[in-house]
Amino acid sequence: MAKTTEKPTTKAKTKTVAYDVAEQLRTPEEMAAYLDAWFEEAPDDAAGIARALGDIARARGMTQVARDAGLSRESLYKALSENGNPSFATVLKVARALGVRLHAQVA
């Protein structure tokens, strides 16, 4: 009987990459749809909505958004971070700088 040699099996390693939604937000329409989805799916999650604004600001360019909003880049990062708690005035300034409008509708 012929002798066969088995090759040792090696498992291919899976490489993971951190997902950043800001890289997917390319157009103003996508940015507005993303923010609308947050308002629709998690209307009571103020921190999540602030993070969504932060995602959009990063997609647009945080330095330019901060300049347009009249804020420092550092304060904008802090306000729109996971632990941030932006004032409503800051949210309105950022929304205006991003070119998105918040509007009310009957629930």
Protein backbone atom coordinates (compact mmCIF):
# COMPACT_ATOMS: atom_id res chain seq x y z
CA MET A 1 0.00 0.00 0.00
CA ALA A 2 1.27 3.44 -0.89
CA LYS A 3 1.98 5.75 1.94
CA THR A 4 0.23 9.13 1.77
CA THR A 5 1.34 12.14 3.61
CA GLU A 6 -1.21 14.56 4.85
CA LYS A 7 -0.45 18.20 4.67
CA PRO A 8 -1.03 20.02 7.90
CA THR A 9 -4.10 22.19 7.64
CA THR A 10 -3.73 25.84 8.39
CA LYS A 11 -6.65 28.04 9.06
CA ALA A 12 -6.80 31.25 7.16
CA LYS A 13 -6.94 34.17 9.52
CA THR A 14 -9.81 36.52 9.09
CA LYS A 15 -8.81 40.13 9.07
CA THR A 16 -11.33 42.50 10.54
CA VAL A 17 -11.52 46.19 9.92
CA ALA A 18 -13.35 48.68 12.09
CA TYR A 19 -16.54 49.89 10.42
CA ASP A 20 -16.97 53.64 10.20
CA VAL A 21 -20.35 54.79 8.96
CA ALA A 22 -18.86 58.21 8.13
CA GLU A 23 -17.04 56.56 5.21
CA GLN A 24 -20.39 55.49 3.75
CA LEU A 25 -22.10 58.87 3.96
CA ARG A 26 -21.13 60.39 0.63
CA THR A 27 -24.00 62.61 -0.45
CA PRO A 28 -26.20 65.14 1.35
CA GLU A 29 -29.17 62.85 0.65
CA GLU A 30 -27.45 59.88 2.35
CA MET A 31 -26.55 62.07 5.31
CA ALA A 32 -30.11 63.33 5.68
CA ALA A 33 -31.51 59.78 5.33
CA TYR A 34 -29.10 58.54 8.02
CA LEU A 35 -30.19 61.26 10.45
CA ASP A 36 -33.86 60.65 9.60
CA ALA A 37 -33.36 56.95 10.36
CA TRP A 38 -32.07 57.85 13.82
CA PHE A 39 -35.08 60.10 14.44
CA GLU A 40 -37.41 57.36 13.24
CA GLU A 41 -35.82 54.34 14.94
CA ALA A 42 -34.57 55.90 18.18
CA PRO A 43 -36.38 59.19 18.75
CA ASP A 44 -35.65 59.18 22.50
CA ASP A 45 -31.94 58.42 22.16
CA ALA A 46 -30.44 61.92 22.41
CA ALA A 47 -26.90 60.57 22.68
CA GLY A 48 -27.39 58.40 19.59
CA ILE A 49 -28.76 61.30 17.59
CA ALA A 50 -25.81 63.45 18.69
CA ARG A 51 -23.44 60.67 17.60
CA ALA A 52 -25.26 60.50 14.25
CA LEU A 53 -24.64 64.23 13.81
CA GLY A 54 -21.01 63.52 14.68
CA ASP A 55 -20.85 60.78 12.05
CA ILE A 56 -22.20 63.16 9.45
CA ALA A 57 -19.80 65.91 10.58
CA ARG A 58 -16.85 63.50 10.22
CA ALA A 59 -18.08 62.52 6.75
CA ARG A 60 -18.23 66.21 5.78
CA GLY A 61 -14.97 67.15 7.47
CA MET A 62 -15.03 68.02 11.16
CA THR A 63 -12.78 71.08 10.81
CA GLN A 64 -15.01 72.70 8.19
CA VAL A 65 -18.21 71.85 10.07
CA ALA A 66 -16.78 73.30 13.29
CA ARG A 67 -15.77 76.47 11.44
CA ASP A 68 -19.20 76.79 9.82
CA ALA A 69 -20.91 76.21 13.18
CA GLY A 70 -18.72 78.75 14.96
CA LEU A 71 -17.23 76.14 17.29
CA SER A 72 -13.77 74.77 17.91
CA ARG A 73 -13.04 71.37 16.40
CA GLU A 74 -12.22 69.96 19.84
CA SER A 75 -15.47 71.16 21.40
CA LEU A 76 -17.42 69.76 18.46
CA TYR A 77 -15.76 66.34 18.82
CA LYS A 78 -16.51 66.38 22.55
CA ALA A 79 -20.13 67.50 22.15
CA LEU A 80 -20.89 64.86 19.50
CA SER A 81 -19.00 61.99 21.12
CA GLU A 82 -20.58 58.99 22.82
CA ASN A 83 -20.33 60.71 26.21
CA GLY A 84 -21.08 64.19 24.90
CA ASN A 85 -24.16 66.10 25.88
CA PRO A 86 -24.53 68.95 23.40
CA SER A 87 -26.84 71.83 24.11
CA PHE A 88 -29.79 72.27 21.80
CA ALA A 89 -28.13 75.44 20.51
CA THR A 90 -25.08 73.37 19.52
CA VAL A 91 -27.29 70.81 17.77
CA LEU A 92 -28.97 73.59 15.79
CA LYS A 93 -25.62 75.17 14.84
CA VAL A 94 -24.25 71.82 13.69
CA ALA A 95 -27.42 70.98 11.74
CA ARG A 96 -27.22 74.32 9.96
CA ALA A 97 -23.50 73.83 9.24
CA LEU A 98 -24.26 70.37 7.82
CA GLY A 99 -27.02 71.72 5.62
CA VAL A 100 -29.73 69.61 7.24
CA ARG A 101 -32.97 70.91 8.65
CA LEU A 102 -34.88 69.55 11.61
CA HIS A 103 -38.62 69.69 11.21
CA ALA A 104 -41.60 68.67 13.28
CA GLN A 105 -44.46 66.46 12.23
CA VAL A 106 -47.39 64.94 13.99
CA ALA A 107 -46.44 61.68 15.70
